[in-house]
N, C-alpha and C. Protein backbone atom coordinates (compact mmCIF):
# COMPACT_ATOMS: atom_id res chain seq x y z
N ALA A 1 44.62 -66.38 130.87
CA ALA A 1 45.93 -65.74 130.83
C ALA A 1 46.07 -64.81 132.03
N ARG A 2 47.14 -64.14 132.07
CA ARG A 2 47.48 -63.32 133.23
C ARG A 2 46.47 -62.20 133.54
N PRO A 3 45.99 -61.44 132.54
CA PRO A 3 45.03 -60.38 132.87
C PRO A 3 43.75 -60.92 133.51
N ARG A 4 43.28 -62.09 133.04
CA ARG A 4 42.06 -62.68 133.62
C ARG A 4 42.32 -63.10 135.06
N TYR A 5 43.49 -63.65 135.32
CA TYR A 5 43.86 -64.05 136.67
C TYR A 5 43.91 -62.83 137.59
N ASP A 6 44.54 -61.76 137.12
CA ASP A 6 44.63 -60.54 137.93
C ASP A 6 43.25 -59.98 138.24
N SER A 7 42.36 -60.01 137.26
CA SER A 7 40.99 -59.52 137.49
C SER A 7 40.27 -60.38 138.52
N ALA A 8 40.42 -61.69 138.40
CA ALA A 8 39.77 -62.58 139.36
C ALA A 8 40.31 -62.36 140.77
N MET A 9 41.60 -62.17 140.89
CA MET A 9 42.19 -61.94 142.20
C MET A 9 41.73 -60.60 142.79
N THR A 10 41.58 -59.59 141.95
CA THR A 10 41.10 -58.30 142.43
C THR A 10 39.67 -58.41 142.94
N PHE A 11 38.82 -59.10 142.20
CA PHE A 11 37.44 -59.26 142.64
C PHE A 11 37.36 -60.10 143.92
N ALA A 12 38.24 -61.08 144.05
CA ALA A 12 38.23 -61.94 145.24
C ALA A 12 38.76 -61.20 146.47
N ALA A 13 39.82 -60.40 146.28
CA ALA A 13 40.47 -59.74 147.41
C ALA A 13 39.88 -58.36 147.72
N GLY A 14 39.16 -57.80 146.79
CA GLY A 14 38.56 -56.48 146.99
C GLY A 14 39.32 -55.40 146.26
N PHE A 15 38.66 -54.28 146.10
CA PHE A 15 39.24 -53.18 145.33
C PHE A 15 40.34 -52.44 146.09
N ASP A 16 40.49 -52.74 147.37
CA ASP A 16 41.58 -52.12 148.13
C ASP A 16 42.95 -52.59 147.67
N THR A 17 42.99 -53.71 146.94
CA THR A 17 44.28 -54.23 146.47
C THR A 17 44.76 -53.51 145.20
N LEU A 18 43.92 -52.67 144.62
CA LEU A 18 44.31 -51.93 143.41
C LEU A 18 45.32 -50.84 143.76
N PRO A 19 46.11 -50.39 142.79
CA PRO A 19 47.03 -49.27 143.05
C PRO A 19 46.28 -48.03 143.54
N LYS A 20 47.00 -47.12 144.14
CA LYS A 20 46.44 -45.98 144.87
C LYS A 20 45.42 -45.16 144.07
N HIS A 21 45.74 -44.75 142.87
CA HIS A 21 44.88 -43.84 142.10
C HIS A 21 44.11 -44.54 140.99
N CYS A 22 44.03 -45.85 141.03
CA CYS A 22 43.39 -46.61 139.96
C CYS A 22 41.91 -46.26 139.80
N LEU A 23 41.19 -46.15 140.90
CA LEU A 23 39.76 -45.84 140.82
C LEU A 23 39.51 -44.45 140.25
N VAL A 24 40.31 -43.48 140.66
CA VAL A 24 40.16 -42.11 140.14
C VAL A 24 40.43 -42.08 138.64
N ILE A 25 41.51 -42.75 138.22
CA ILE A 25 41.84 -42.79 136.79
C ILE A 25 40.73 -43.47 136.01
N SER A 26 40.19 -44.56 136.53
CA SER A 26 39.09 -45.27 135.86
C SER A 26 37.86 -44.38 135.71
N LEU A 27 37.53 -43.63 136.74
CA LEU A 27 36.38 -42.73 136.67
C LEU A 27 36.60 -41.61 135.66
N VAL A 28 37.81 -41.06 135.62
CA VAL A 28 38.11 -39.99 134.66
C VAL A 28 38.03 -40.52 133.24
N VAL A 29 38.63 -41.68 132.99
CA VAL A 29 38.60 -42.25 131.64
C VAL A 29 37.17 -42.62 131.25
N GLY A 30 36.39 -43.12 132.21
CA GLY A 30 34.98 -43.42 131.93
C GLY A 30 34.19 -42.17 131.57
N ALA A 31 34.44 -41.08 132.29
CA ALA A 31 33.76 -39.82 131.99
C ALA A 31 34.15 -39.29 130.61
N VAL A 32 35.43 -39.41 130.26
CA VAL A 32 35.88 -39.00 128.94
C VAL A 32 35.20 -39.84 127.86
N ALA A 33 35.06 -41.13 128.10
CA ALA A 33 34.40 -42.01 127.12
C ALA A 33 32.94 -41.63 126.93
N VAL A 34 32.24 -41.35 128.03
CA VAL A 34 30.84 -40.93 127.94
C VAL A 34 30.73 -39.61 127.18
N ALA A 35 31.60 -38.65 127.52
CA ALA A 35 31.58 -37.35 126.83
C ALA A 35 31.89 -37.53 125.34
N PHE A 36 32.86 -38.37 125.02
CA PHE A 36 33.21 -38.62 123.62
C PHE A 36 32.02 -39.18 122.86
N ASN A 37 31.33 -40.16 123.45
CA ASN A 37 30.17 -40.75 122.78
C ASN A 37 29.02 -39.75 122.64
N LEU A 38 28.81 -38.90 123.63
CA LEU A 38 27.77 -37.87 123.52
C LEU A 38 28.09 -36.88 122.41
N VAL A 39 29.35 -36.45 122.34
CA VAL A 39 29.75 -35.54 121.26
C VAL A 39 29.56 -36.22 119.91
N HIS A 40 29.96 -37.48 119.82
CA HIS A 40 29.83 -38.22 118.57
C HIS A 40 28.37 -38.33 118.14
N ASP A 41 27.49 -38.65 119.09
CA ASP A 41 26.09 -38.88 118.74
C ASP A 41 25.26 -37.62 118.60
N LEU A 42 25.57 -36.57 119.38
CA LEU A 42 24.70 -35.41 119.42
C LEU A 42 25.26 -34.15 118.76
N VAL A 43 26.57 -34.04 118.64
CA VAL A 43 27.17 -32.79 118.17
C VAL A 43 27.73 -32.89 116.75
N LEU A 44 28.43 -33.97 116.46
CA LEU A 44 29.07 -34.09 115.14
C LEU A 44 28.06 -34.17 114.01
N PRO A 45 28.31 -33.46 112.92
CA PRO A 45 27.44 -33.62 111.75
C PRO A 45 27.67 -35.00 111.13
N PRO A 46 26.66 -35.55 110.46
CA PRO A 46 26.77 -36.91 109.92
C PRO A 46 27.97 -37.12 109.00
N ARG A 47 28.37 -36.10 108.25
CA ARG A 47 29.49 -36.28 107.32
C ARG A 47 30.82 -36.47 108.04
N LEU A 48 30.93 -36.04 109.28
CA LEU A 48 32.17 -36.18 110.04
C LEU A 48 32.21 -37.43 110.93
N LYS A 49 31.06 -38.06 111.13
CA LYS A 49 31.02 -39.23 112.02
C LYS A 49 31.86 -40.39 111.51
N ASN A 50 32.01 -40.52 110.21
CA ASN A 50 32.81 -41.60 109.66
C ASN A 50 34.30 -41.43 109.97
N TYR A 51 34.72 -40.22 110.26
CA TYR A 51 36.14 -39.95 110.54
C TYR A 51 36.45 -39.97 112.04
N CYS A 52 35.46 -40.19 112.84
CA CYS A 52 35.62 -40.20 114.29
C CYS A 52 35.78 -41.65 114.75
N PRO A 53 36.84 -41.96 115.47
CA PRO A 53 37.03 -43.35 115.88
C PRO A 53 35.96 -43.81 116.86
N SER A 54 35.70 -45.08 116.85
CA SER A 54 34.67 -45.67 117.71
C SER A 54 35.24 -45.96 119.09
N GLY A 55 34.57 -45.47 120.12
CA GLY A 55 34.99 -45.77 121.48
C GLY A 55 34.86 -47.25 121.80
N VAL A 56 33.85 -47.90 121.24
CA VAL A 56 33.67 -49.33 121.44
C VAL A 56 34.84 -50.11 120.84
N ALA A 57 35.30 -49.67 119.68
CA ALA A 57 36.43 -50.35 119.04
C ALA A 57 37.68 -50.26 119.91
N PHE A 58 37.90 -49.11 120.52
CA PHE A 58 39.05 -48.98 121.42
C PHE A 58 38.90 -49.91 122.61
N GLY A 59 37.70 -49.98 123.18
CA GLY A 59 37.47 -50.84 124.34
C GLY A 59 37.67 -52.31 124.00
N VAL A 60 37.13 -52.74 122.88
CA VAL A 60 37.29 -54.13 122.47
C VAL A 60 38.76 -54.44 122.21
N GLY A 61 39.46 -53.49 121.61
CA GLY A 61 40.89 -53.70 121.36
C GLY A 61 41.70 -53.83 122.62
N ILE A 62 41.28 -53.19 123.68
CA ILE A 62 42.00 -53.28 124.95
C ILE A 62 41.67 -54.59 125.66
N ILE A 63 40.43 -55.04 125.57
CA ILE A 63 40.00 -56.25 126.28
C ILE A 63 40.55 -57.52 125.62
N LEU A 64 40.52 -57.57 124.30
CA LEU A 64 40.95 -58.78 123.60
C LEU A 64 42.46 -58.93 123.63
N LEU A 65 42.89 -60.16 123.58
CA LEU A 65 44.32 -60.45 123.56
C LEU A 65 44.86 -60.34 122.13
N PRO A 66 46.16 -60.27 121.94
CA PRO A 66 46.73 -60.09 120.61
C PRO A 66 46.33 -61.15 119.59
N GLY A 67 46.07 -62.37 120.03
CA GLY A 67 45.67 -63.42 119.09
C GLY A 67 44.38 -63.09 118.37
N GLN A 68 43.39 -62.60 119.11
CA GLN A 68 42.12 -62.23 118.49
C GLN A 68 42.26 -60.98 117.64
N ILE A 69 43.06 -60.04 118.07
CA ILE A 69 43.26 -58.82 117.29
C ILE A 69 43.94 -59.14 115.97
N LEU A 70 44.89 -60.08 115.97
CA LEU A 70 45.58 -60.46 114.74
C LEU A 70 44.59 -61.00 113.71
N ILE A 71 43.63 -61.81 114.17
CA ILE A 71 42.61 -62.35 113.27
C ILE A 71 41.78 -61.22 112.68
N GLU A 72 41.44 -60.24 113.49
CA GLU A 72 40.65 -59.11 113.00
C GLU A 72 41.43 -58.28 111.98
N VAL A 73 42.72 -58.09 112.21
CA VAL A 73 43.53 -57.31 111.28
C VAL A 73 43.65 -58.04 109.94
N VAL A 74 43.85 -59.35 109.98
CA VAL A 74 43.92 -60.13 108.74
C VAL A 74 42.59 -60.05 107.99
N GLY A 75 41.48 -60.20 108.72
CA GLY A 75 40.16 -60.09 108.09
C GLY A 75 39.92 -58.72 107.49
N LEU A 76 40.36 -57.68 108.20
CA LEU A 76 40.20 -56.32 107.68
C LEU A 76 41.02 -56.11 106.42
N ALA A 77 42.23 -56.65 106.38
CA ALA A 77 43.06 -56.52 105.18
C ALA A 77 42.44 -57.24 104.00
N ILE A 78 41.93 -58.45 104.23
CA ILE A 78 41.27 -59.19 103.15
C ILE A 78 40.04 -58.43 102.67
N HIS A 79 39.27 -57.89 103.60
CA HIS A 79 38.06 -57.12 103.22
C HIS A 79 38.43 -55.89 102.42
N ALA A 80 39.48 -55.18 102.83
CA ALA A 80 39.88 -53.96 102.11
C ALA A 80 40.31 -54.29 100.68
N LEU A 81 41.08 -55.35 100.51
CA LEU A 81 41.50 -55.74 99.16
C LEU A 81 40.31 -56.20 98.33
N TRP A 82 39.45 -56.97 98.93
CA TRP A 82 38.26 -57.46 98.23
C TRP A 82 37.39 -56.29 97.80
N GLN A 83 37.17 -55.34 98.69
CA GLN A 83 36.34 -54.17 98.38
C GLN A 83 36.96 -53.33 97.27
N ARG A 84 38.28 -53.28 97.25
CA ARG A 84 38.95 -52.48 96.23
C ARG A 84 38.85 -53.11 94.84
N TYR A 85 39.01 -54.44 94.78
CA TYR A 85 39.06 -55.09 93.47
C TYR A 85 37.73 -55.64 92.98
N ASP A 86 36.77 -55.90 93.87
CA ASP A 86 35.45 -56.39 93.46
C ASP A 86 34.39 -55.88 94.43
N PRO A 87 34.08 -54.57 94.38
CA PRO A 87 33.18 -53.98 95.36
C PRO A 87 31.77 -54.58 95.35
N GLU A 88 31.29 -54.98 94.18
CA GLU A 88 29.94 -55.53 94.10
C GLU A 88 29.85 -56.87 94.84
N SER A 89 30.79 -57.74 94.61
CA SER A 89 30.82 -59.03 95.30
C SER A 89 31.04 -58.85 96.80
N CYS A 90 31.91 -57.91 97.14
CA CYS A 90 32.20 -57.64 98.55
C CYS A 90 30.95 -57.15 99.28
N ALA A 91 30.18 -56.29 98.64
CA ALA A 91 28.97 -55.76 99.27
C ALA A 91 27.95 -56.87 99.53
N LYS A 92 27.94 -57.88 98.67
CA LYS A 92 26.97 -58.97 98.82
C LYS A 92 27.41 -60.01 99.86
N ARG A 93 28.73 -60.21 100.00
CA ARG A 93 29.20 -61.35 100.79
C ARG A 93 30.18 -61.01 101.90
N ASP A 94 30.38 -59.75 102.24
CA ASP A 94 31.39 -59.43 103.24
C ASP A 94 31.01 -59.90 104.64
N GLN A 95 29.73 -59.98 104.94
CA GLN A 95 29.32 -60.49 106.25
C GLN A 95 29.62 -61.97 106.38
N GLN A 96 29.59 -62.69 105.28
CA GLN A 96 29.97 -64.10 105.30
C GLN A 96 31.44 -64.27 105.64
N LEU A 97 32.27 -63.36 105.15
CA LEU A 97 33.69 -63.41 105.49
C LEU A 97 33.89 -63.22 106.99
N GLY A 98 33.21 -62.24 107.56
CA GLY A 98 33.32 -62.01 109.00
C GLY A 98 32.83 -63.20 109.81
N ALA A 99 31.71 -63.80 109.38
CA ALA A 99 31.18 -64.97 110.08
C ALA A 99 32.14 -66.15 109.97
N ALA A 100 32.78 -66.29 108.83
CA ALA A 100 33.74 -67.38 108.66
C ALA A 100 34.95 -67.20 109.58
N PHE A 101 35.43 -65.97 109.72
CA PHE A 101 36.54 -65.73 110.63
C PHE A 101 36.15 -66.01 112.08
N LEU A 102 34.96 -65.59 112.47
CA LEU A 102 34.49 -65.85 113.83
C LEU A 102 34.34 -67.35 114.09
N ALA A 103 33.72 -68.05 113.14
CA ALA A 103 33.52 -69.49 113.31
C ALA A 103 34.87 -70.23 113.33
N GLY A 104 35.76 -69.84 112.45
CA GLY A 104 37.08 -70.47 112.43
C GLY A 104 37.84 -70.26 113.72
N ASP A 105 37.77 -69.06 114.26
CA ASP A 105 38.44 -68.77 115.53
C ASP A 105 37.83 -69.59 116.65
N GLY A 106 36.51 -69.69 116.66
CA GLY A 106 35.83 -70.49 117.69
C GLY A 106 36.19 -71.97 117.60
N LEU A 107 36.18 -72.50 116.38
CA LEU A 107 36.53 -73.91 116.21
C LEU A 107 37.99 -74.18 116.57
N ALA A 108 38.86 -73.25 116.25
CA ALA A 108 40.27 -73.40 116.62
C ALA A 108 40.43 -73.39 118.14
N GLY A 109 39.64 -72.57 118.82
CA GLY A 109 39.69 -72.54 120.28
C GLY A 109 39.22 -73.85 120.89
N VAL A 110 38.15 -74.42 120.33
CA VAL A 110 37.66 -75.72 120.82
C VAL A 110 38.71 -76.80 120.56
N LEU A 111 39.29 -76.81 119.37
CA LEU A 111 40.32 -77.79 119.05
C LEU A 111 41.52 -77.65 119.99
N GLN A 112 41.92 -76.42 120.26
CA GLN A 112 43.05 -76.18 121.17
C GLN A 112 42.73 -76.69 122.57
N ALA A 113 41.50 -76.47 123.03
CA ALA A 113 41.10 -76.96 124.36
C ALA A 113 41.13 -78.49 124.41
N VAL A 114 40.63 -79.14 123.36
CA VAL A 114 40.65 -80.61 123.32
C VAL A 114 42.09 -81.12 123.33
N LEU A 115 42.96 -80.51 122.54
CA LEU A 115 44.35 -80.94 122.50
C LEU A 115 45.04 -80.69 123.84
N ASP A 116 44.71 -79.58 124.52
CA ASP A 116 45.29 -79.30 125.83
C ASP A 116 44.87 -80.35 126.85
N VAL A 117 43.58 -80.70 126.85
CA VAL A 117 43.08 -81.71 127.79
C VAL A 117 43.71 -83.07 127.50
N ALA A 118 43.94 -83.35 126.21
CA ALA A 118 44.54 -84.63 125.83
C ALA A 118 46.05 -84.65 126.10
N GLY A 119 46.62 -83.51 126.46
CA GLY A 119 48.05 -83.46 126.75
C GLY A 119 48.93 -83.37 125.52
N VAL A 120 48.36 -83.03 124.38
CA VAL A 120 49.12 -82.92 123.14
C VAL A 120 49.77 -81.55 123.09
N THR A 121 51.06 -81.52 122.87
CA THR A 121 51.75 -80.24 122.70
C THR A 121 51.98 -80.01 121.21
N PRO A 122 51.68 -78.83 120.74
CA PRO A 122 51.83 -78.55 119.32
C PRO A 122 53.31 -78.49 118.94
N PRO A 123 53.62 -78.79 117.67
CA PRO A 123 55.02 -78.70 117.24
C PRO A 123 55.54 -77.27 117.29
N ARG A 124 54.64 -76.32 117.12
CA ARG A 124 54.98 -74.89 117.23
C ARG A 124 53.90 -74.22 118.03
N SER A 125 54.29 -73.31 118.87
CA SER A 125 53.28 -72.56 119.60
C SER A 125 53.77 -71.14 119.81
N CYS A 126 52.82 -70.26 120.00
CA CYS A 126 53.13 -68.86 120.23
C CYS A 126 52.48 -68.45 121.53
N SER A 127 53.23 -67.87 122.42
CA SER A 127 52.70 -67.50 123.72
C SER A 127 52.69 -65.98 123.84
N TRP A 128 51.56 -65.45 124.27
CA TRP A 128 51.44 -64.01 124.47
C TRP A 128 51.63 -63.65 125.94
N THR A 129 51.89 -64.64 126.80
CA THR A 129 51.97 -64.35 128.23
C THR A 129 53.14 -63.47 128.58
N GLY A 130 54.19 -63.46 127.77
CA GLY A 130 55.33 -62.61 128.05
C GLY A 130 54.99 -61.13 128.03
N TRP A 131 53.90 -60.77 127.37
CA TRP A 131 53.51 -59.36 127.28
C TRP A 131 52.99 -58.83 128.60
N TYR A 132 52.60 -59.71 129.50
CA TYR A 132 51.94 -59.26 130.71
C TYR A 132 52.81 -59.37 131.95
N HIS A 133 54.07 -59.70 131.78
CA HIS A 133 54.96 -59.81 132.94
C HIS A 133 55.67 -58.52 133.18
């Protein structure tokens, strides 16, 4: 998609093609992330760590495209309902739910690639490319 193309072009053409203050902003945000993780790991008492958002989760959310995030949100909703109504079963099998979502997403990606190579157009499709223009 478009973000991957832009990244490849930046690496091919060099960092001079980036906007004027991009490197400074990246360094500042990186320093804030390191400081946040240090505070989380070394300063916060254990009882407050559960209420502190994960820096890794923010990073993954920024890197992944909306299609993958949608799958994660659906899985999280199913897990929350399952945990609420049958916590014992959820505690035993919740990792299987996550693995099933990952495997299903992977298989759907392989199927989509095969259909694309075969020239098959789906009857319905959703494009996220409009978000990056």
